Every structure is written in C-alpha cells, then in structure tokens.
PDB file of all heavy atoms in Angstrom:
ATOM      1  N   TYR A   1     101.383 186.044  90.848  1.00  0.00           N
ATOM      2  CA  TYR A   1     101.028 187.326  90.363  1.00  0.00           C
ATOM      3  C   TYR A   1      99.948 187.286  89.473  1.00  0.00           C
ATOM      4  O   TYR A   1      99.658 186.214  88.781  1.00  0.00           O
ATOM      5  CB  TYR A   1     102.254 188.025  89.535  1.00  0.00           C
ATOM      6  CG  TYR A   1     103.450 188.280  90.417  1.00  0.00           C
ATOM      7  CD1 TYR A   1     104.681 187.544  90.085  1.00  0.00           C
ATOM      8  CD2 TYR A   1     103.539 189.052  91.418  1.00  0.00           C
ATOM      9  CE1 TYR A   1     105.867 187.858  90.735  1.00  0.00           C
ATOM     10  CE2 TYR A   1     104.656 189.328  92.119  1.00  0.00           C
ATOM     11  CZ  TYR A   1     105.821 188.760  91.759  1.00  0.00           C
ATOM     12  OH  TYR A   1     106.902 188.867  92.493  1.00  0.00           O
ATOM     13  N   ALA A   2      99.060 188.404  89.387  1.00  0.00           N
ATOM     14  CA  ALA A   2      98.014 188.504  88.376  1.00  0.00           C
ATOM     15  C   ALA A   2      98.685 188.548  86.989  1.00  0.00           C
ATOM     16  O   ALA A   2      99.621 189.337  86.808  1.00  0.00           O
ATOM     17  CB  ALA A   2      97.228 189.781  88.663  1.00  0.00           C
ATOM     18  N   GLY A   3      98.236 187.869  86.071  1.00  0.00           N
ATOM     19  CA  GLY A   3      98.915 187.769  84.763  1.00  0.00           C
ATOM     20  C   GLY A   3      99.924 186.844  84.623  1.00  0.00           C
ATOM     21  O   GLY A   3     100.256 186.027  85.601  1.00  0.00           O
ATOM     22  N   PRO A   4     100.706 186.722  83.457  1.00  0.00           N
ATOM     23  CA  PRO A   4     101.628 185.798  83.167  1.00  0.00           C
ATOM     24  C   PRO A   4     102.985 186.092  83.835  1.00  0.00           C
ATOM     25  O   PRO A   4     103.841 185.284  83.771  1.00  0.00           O
ATOM     26  CB  PRO A   4     101.715 185.830  81.625  1.00  0.00           C
ATOM     27  CG  PRO A   4     101.439 187.154  81.287  1.00  0.00           C
ATOM     28  CD  PRO A   4     100.369 187.626  82.258  1.00  0.00           C
ATOM     29  N   ALA A   5     103.216 187.274  84.282  1.00  0.00           N
ATOM     30  CA  ALA A   5     104.616 187.690  84.703  1.00  0.00           C
ATOM     31  C   ALA A   5     104.969 186.891  86.045  1.00  0.00           C
ATOM     32  O   ALA A   5     104.219 186.513  86.793  1.00  0.00           O
ATOM     33  CB  ALA A   5     104.619 189.232  84.954  1.00  0.00           C
ATOM     34  N   GLY A   6     106.293 186.746  86.186  1.00  0.00           N
ATOM     35  CA  GLY A   6     106.937 186.382  87.437  1.00  0.00           C
ATOM     36  C   GLY A   6     106.734 184.814  87.704  1.00  0.00           C
ATOM     37  O   GLY A   6     106.908 184.489  88.903  1.00  0.00           O
ATOM     38  N   ARG A   7     106.572 184.091  86.661  1.00  0.00           N
ATOM     39  CA  ARG A   7     106.525 182.666  86.972  1.00  0.00           C
ATOM     40  C   ARG A   7     107.865 182.117  87.595  1.00  0.00           C
ATOM     41  O   ARG A   7     107.809 181.051  88.347  1.00  0.00           O
ATOM     42  CB  ARG A   7     106.236 181.849  85.709  1.00  0.00           C
ATOM     43  CG  ARG A   7     104.835 182.167  85.183  1.00  0.00           C
ATOM     44  CD  ARG A   7     104.464 181.107  84.158  1.00  0.00           C
ATOM     45  NE  ARG A   7     102.971 181.374  83.748  1.00  0.00           N
ATOM     46  CZ  ARG A   7     102.675 181.740  82.587  1.00  0.00           C
ATOM     47  NH1 ARG A   7     103.636 182.148  81.655  1.00  0.00           N
ATOM     48  NH2 ARG A   7     101.477 181.904  82.198  1.00  0.00           N
ATOM     49  N   GLU A   8     108.981 182.775  87.295  1.00  0.00           N
ATOM     50  CA  GLU A   8     110.219 182.353  87.890  1.00  0.00           C
ATOM     51  C   GLU A   8     110.243 182.574  89.400  1.00  0.00           C
ATOM     52  O   GLU A   8     111.059 182.065  90.097  1.00  0.00           O
ATOM     53  CB  GLU A   8     111.405 183.168  87.117  1.00  0.00           C
ATOM     54  CG  GLU A   8     111.632 184.539  87.614  1.00  0.00           C
ATOM     55  CD  GLU A   8     110.557 185.435  86.939  1.00  0.00           C
ATOM     56  OE1 GLU A   8     109.744 184.991  86.072  1.00  0.00           O
ATOM     57  OE2 GLU A   8     110.618 186.684  87.189  1.00  0.00           O
ATOM     58  N   THR A   9     109.420 183.486  89.927  1.00  0.00           N
ATOM     59  CA  THR A   9     109.368 183.756  91.249  1.00  0.00           C
ATOM     60  C   THR A   9     108.770 182.771  92.139  1.00  0.00           C
ATOM     61  O   THR A   9     109.209 182.375  93.245  1.00  0.00           O
ATOM     62  CB  THR A   9     108.759 185.220  91.669  1.00  0.00           C
ATOM     63  OG1 THR A   9     109.477 186.152  90.784  1.00  0.00           O
ATOM     64  CG2 THR A   9     108.807 185.566  93.077  1.00  0.00           C
ATOM     65  N   PHE A  10     107.575 182.227  91.698  1.00  0.00           N
ATOM     66  CA  PHE A  10     106.887 181.276  92.357  1.00  0.00           C
ATOM     67  C   PHE A  10     107.186 179.970  91.758  1.00  0.00           C
ATOM     68  O   PHE A  10     106.613 179.592  90.659  1.00  0.00           O
ATOM     69  CB  PHE A  10     105.321 181.455  92.381  1.00  0.00           C
ATOM     70  CG  PHE A  10     105.020 182.790  93.092  1.00  0.00           C
ATOM     71  CD1 PHE A  10     104.926 184.118  92.459  1.00  0.00           C
ATOM     72  CD2 PHE A  10     104.711 182.775  94.436  1.00  0.00           C
ATOM     73  CE1 PHE A  10     104.775 185.241  93.161  1.00  0.00           C
ATOM     74  CE2 PHE A  10     104.459 184.054  95.190  1.00  0.00           C
ATOM     75  CZ  PHE A  10     104.400 185.148  94.493  1.00  0.00           C
ATOM     76  N   ARG A  11     107.818 178.947  92.324  1.00  0.00           N
ATOM     77  CA  ARG A  11     108.161 177.699  91.819  1.00  0.00           C
ATOM     78  C   ARG A  11     107.927 176.574  92.868  1.00  0.00           C
ATOM     79  O   ARG A  11     108.614 176.715  93.873  1.00  0.00           O
ATOM     80  CB  ARG A  11     109.604 177.706  91.325  1.00  0.00           C
ATOM     81  CG  ARG A  11     109.899 178.668  90.234  1.00  0.00           C
ATOM     82  CD  ARG A  11     111.089 178.456  89.395  1.00  0.00           C
ATOM     83  NE  ARG A  11     112.297 178.168  90.103  1.00  0.00           N
ATOM     84  CZ  ARG A  11     113.120 179.205  90.389  1.00  0.00           C
ATOM     85  NH1 ARG A  11     112.948 180.376  89.965  1.00  0.00           N
ATOM     86  NH2 ARG A  11     114.267 178.899  91.140  1.00  0.00           N
ATOM     87  N   ASP A  12     107.209 175.578  92.538  1.00  0.00           N
ATOM     88  CA  ASP A  12     107.194 174.423  93.304  1.00  0.00           C
ATOM     89  C   ASP A  12     106.646 174.769  94.797  1.00  0.00           C
ATOM     90  O   ASP A  12     107.146 174.252  95.783  1.00  0.00           O
ATOM     91  CB  ASP A  12     108.484 173.596  93.394  1.00  0.00           C
ATOM     92  CG  ASP A  12     108.843 173.126  92.041  1.00  0.00           C
ATOM     93  OD1 ASP A  12     107.958 172.731  91.193  1.00  0.00           O
ATOM     94  OD2 ASP A  12     110.053 173.235  91.772  1.00  0.00           O
ATOM     95  N   GLY A  13     105.642 175.792  94.832  1.00  0.00           N
ATOM     96  CA  GLY A  13     105.122 176.111  96.051  1.00  0.00           C
ATOM     97  C   GLY A  13     106.041 176.900  96.958  1.00  0.00           C
ATOM     98  O   GLY A  13     105.623 177.264  98.079  1.00  0.00           O
ATOM     99  N   GLU A  14     107.153 177.371  96.392  1.00  0.00           N
ATOM    100  CA  GLU A  14     107.940 178.206  97.189  1.00  0.00           C
ATOM    101  C   GLU A  14     108.346 179.606  96.437  1.00  0.00           C
ATOM    102  O   GLU A  14     107.974 179.764  95.181  1.00  0.00           O
ATOM    103  CB  GLU A  14     109.346 177.627  97.310  1.00  0.00           C
ATOM    104  CG  GLU A  14     109.443 176.411  98.195  1.00  0.00           C
ATOM    105  CD  GLU A  14     110.824 175.833  98.430  1.00  0.00           C
ATOM    106  OE1 GLU A  14     111.612 175.729  97.416  1.00  0.00           O
ATOM    107  OE2 GLU A  14     111.277 175.671  99.610  1.00  0.00           O
ATOM    108  N   LEU A  15     108.654 180.549  97.211  1.00  0.00           N
ATOM    109  CA  LEU A  15     108.928 181.862  96.698  1.00  0.00           C
ATOM    110  C   LEU A  15     110.406 182.136  96.650  1.00  0.00           C
ATOM    111  O   LEU A  15     111.070 182.159  97.712  1.00  0.00           O
ATOM    112  CB  LEU A  15     108.235 183.000  97.639  1.00  0.00           C
ATOM    113  CG  LEU A  15     108.604 184.345  97.564  1.00  0.00           C
ATOM    114  CD1 LEU A  15     108.144 184.917  96.176  1.00  0.00           C
ATOM    115  CD2 LEU A  15     107.972 185.230  98.640  1.00  0.00           C
ATOM    116  N   HIS A  16     110.933 182.363  95.378  1.00  0.00           N
ATOM    117  CA  HIS A  16     112.325 182.767  95.100  1.00  0.00           C
ATOM    118  C   HIS A  16     112.438 184.300  95.182  1.00  0.00           C
ATOM    119  O   HIS A  16     112.027 184.895  94.182  1.00  0.00           O
ATOM    120  CB  HIS A  16     112.802 182.123  93.941  1.00  0.00           C
ATOM    121  CG  HIS A  16     112.861 180.657  93.964  1.00  0.00           C
ATOM    122  ND1 HIS A  16     114.026 179.892  94.125  1.00  0.00           N
ATOM    123  CD2 HIS A  16     111.857 179.677  94.079  1.00  0.00           C
ATOM    124  CE1 HIS A  16     113.739 178.487  94.123  1.00  0.00           C
ATOM    125  NE2 HIS A  16     112.372 178.392  94.128  1.00  0.00           N
ATOM    126  N   THR A  17     112.827 184.754  96.244  1.00  0.00           N
ATOM    127  CA  THR A  17     112.510 186.245  96.543  1.00  0.00           C
ATOM    128  C   THR A  17     113.550 187.136  95.718  1.00  0.00           C
ATOM    129  O   THR A  17     113.169 188.319  95.552  1.00  0.00           O
ATOM    130  CB  THR A  17     113.001 186.566  98.031  1.00  0.00           C
ATOM    131  OG1 THR A  17     114.378 186.321  98.327  1.00  0.00           O
ATOM    132  CG2 THR A  17     112.099 185.669  98.979  1.00  0.00           C
ATOM    133  N   GLY A  18     114.701 186.637  95.262  1.00  0.00           N
ATOM    134  CA  GLY A  18     115.614 187.576  94.654  1.00  0.00           C
ATOM    135  C   GLY A  18     116.452 188.350  95.738  1.00  0.00           C
ATOM    136  O   GLY A  18     117.300 189.209  95.193  1.00  0.00           O
ATOM    137  N   ASP A  19     116.152 188.195  96.913  1.00  0.00           N
ATOM    138  CA  ASP A  19     116.888 188.876  97.970  1.00  0.00           C
ATOM    139  C   ASP A  19     118.137 188.020  98.507  1.00  0.00           C
ATOM    140  O   ASP A  19     117.956 186.691  98.452  1.00  0.00           O
ATOM    141  CB  ASP A  19     116.001 189.164  99.115  1.00  0.00           C
ATOM    142  CG  ASP A  19     114.932 190.151  98.934  1.00  0.00           C
ATOM    143  OD1 ASP A  19     115.279 191.086  98.042  1.00  0.00           O
ATOM    144  OD2 ASP A  19     113.900 190.176  99.640  1.00  0.00           O
ATOM    145  N   ALA A  20     119.223 188.664  98.787  1.00  0.00           N
ATOM    146  CA  ALA A  20     120.329 187.969  99.234  1.00  0.00           C
ATOM    147  C   ALA A  20     120.415 187.953 100.686  1.00  0.00           C
ATOM    148  O   ALA A  20     120.064 189.101 101.418  1.00  0.00           O
ATOM    149  CB  ALA A  20     121.615 188.530  98.675  1.00  0.00           C
ATOM    150  N   GLY A  21     121.010 186.970 101.400  1.00  0.00           N
ATOM    151  CA  GLY A  21     121.122 186.986 102.837  1.00  0.00           C
ATOM    152  C   GLY A  21     121.761 185.636 103.288  1.00  0.00           C
ATOM    153  O   GLY A  21     122.237 184.999 102.440  1.00  0.00           O
ATOM    154  N   PHE A  22     121.818 185.563 104.596  1.00  0.00           N
ATOM    155  CA  PHE A  22     122.346 184.285 105.075  1.00  0.00           C
ATOM    156  C   PHE A  22     121.768 183.946 106.463  1.00  0.00           C
ATOM    157  O   PHE A  22     121.122 184.814 107.116  1.00  0.00           O
ATOM    158  CB  PHE A  22     123.858 184.429 105.318  1.00  0.00           C
ATOM    159  CG  PHE A  22     124.333 185.592 106.202  1.00  0.00           C
ATOM    160  CD1 PHE A  22     124.559 185.421 107.641  1.00  0.00           C
ATOM    161  CD2 PHE A  22     124.614 186.756 105.645  1.00  0.00           C
ATOM    162  CE1 PHE A  22     125.020 186.471 108.369  1.00  0.00           C
ATOM    163  CE2 PHE A  22     125.078 187.889 106.479  1.00  0.00           C
ATOM    164  CZ  PHE A  22     125.220 187.669 107.888  1.00  0.00           C
ATOM    165  N   LEU A  23     121.728 182.695 106.833  1.00  0.00           N
ATOM    166  CA  LEU A  23     121.308 182.193 108.144  1.00  0.00           C
ATOM    167  C   LEU A  23     122.481 182.021 109.032  1.00  0.00           C
ATOM    168  O   LEU A  23     123.558 181.583 108.762  1.00  0.00           O
ATOM    169  CB  LEU A  23     120.502 180.996 107.917  1.00  0.00           C
ATOM    170  CG  LEU A  23     119.167 181.040 107.163  1.00  0.00           C
ATOM    171  CD1 LEU A  23     118.641 179.566 106.782  1.00  0.00           C
ATOM    172  CD2 LEU A  23     118.049 181.594 108.083  1.00  0.00           C
ATOM    173  N   ARG A  24     122.207 182.424 110.261  1.00  0.00           N
ATOM    174  CA  ARG A  24     123.193 182.139 111.363  1.00  0.00           C
ATOM    175  C   ARG A  24     122.504 181.715 112.574  1.00  0.00           C
ATOM    176  O   ARG A  24     121.680 182.527 113.123  1.00  0.00           O
ATOM    177  CB  ARG A  24     124.111 183.267 111.635  1.00  0.00           C
ATOM    178  CG  ARG A  24     125.280 183.016 112.703  1.00  0.00           C
ATOM    179  CD  ARG A  24     126.268 184.181 112.744  1.00  0.00           C
ATOM    180  NE  ARG A  24     126.945 184.277 111.532  1.00  0.00           N
ATOM    181  CZ  ARG A  24     128.034 185.033 111.288  1.00  0.00           C
ATOM    182  NH1 ARG A  24     128.323 186.105 112.241  1.00  0.00           N
ATOM    183  NH2 ARG A  24     128.709 185.091 110.180  1.00  0.00           N
ATOM    184  N   ASP A  25     122.678 180.482 112.927  1.00  0.00           N
ATOM    185  CA  ASP A  25     122.022 180.005 114.316  1.00  0.00           C
ATOM    186  C   ASP A  25     120.545 180.095 114.103  1.00  0.00           C
ATOM    187  O   ASP A  25     119.851 180.377 115.089  1.00  0.00           O
ATOM    188  CB  ASP A  25     122.560 180.656 115.459  1.00  0.00           C
ATOM    189  CG  ASP A  25     124.007 180.430 115.671  1.00  0.00           C
ATOM    190  OD1 ASP A  25     124.491 179.348 115.304  1.00  0.00           O
ATOM    191  OD2 ASP A  25     124.607 181.467 116.075  1.00  0.00           O
ATOM    192  N   GLY A  26     120.050 179.884 112.924  1.00  0.00           N
ATOM    193  CA  GLY A  26     118.556 179.966 112.623  1.00  0.00           C
ATOM    194  C   GLY A  26     117.925 181.256 112.425  1.00  0.00           C
ATOM    195  O   GLY A  26     116.767 181.451 112.188  1.00  0.00           O
ATOM    196  N   GLU A  27     118.670 182.292 112.623  1.00  0.00           N
ATOM    197  CA  GLU A  27     118.329 183.692 112.426  1.00  0.00           C
ATOM    198  C   GLU A  27     118.612 184.192 111.008  1.00  0.00           C
ATOM    199  O   GLU A  27     119.854 183.907 110.551  1.00  0.00           O
ATOM    200  CB  GLU A  27     118.809 184.696 113.441  1.00  0.00           C
ATOM    201  CG  GLU A  27     118.435 186.186 113.369  1.00  0.00           C
ATOM    202  CD  GLU A  27     118.899 187.064 114.402  1.00  0.00           C
ATOM    203  OE1 GLU A  27     119.666 186.745 115.166  1.00  0.00           O
ATOM    204  OE2 GLU A  27     118.326 188.160 114.523  1.00  0.00           O
TER     205      GLU A  27
END
C-alpha cells in the first residue's frame, strides 16, 4: 500500500487477504 498502512497484509512476498475460503480438488 501507499504509506505505512497494511504491513500485515503483505508479508514475505505473499498477500494475506483476510478472506475466508477453502480448496477442494484444486478449486
């Protein structure tokens, strides 16, 4: 993000979306 906000979202090159879901057979 622009500015200091949201550092918890982008960590170690990954995006922690805050969205819930599940994978089933790759979908």
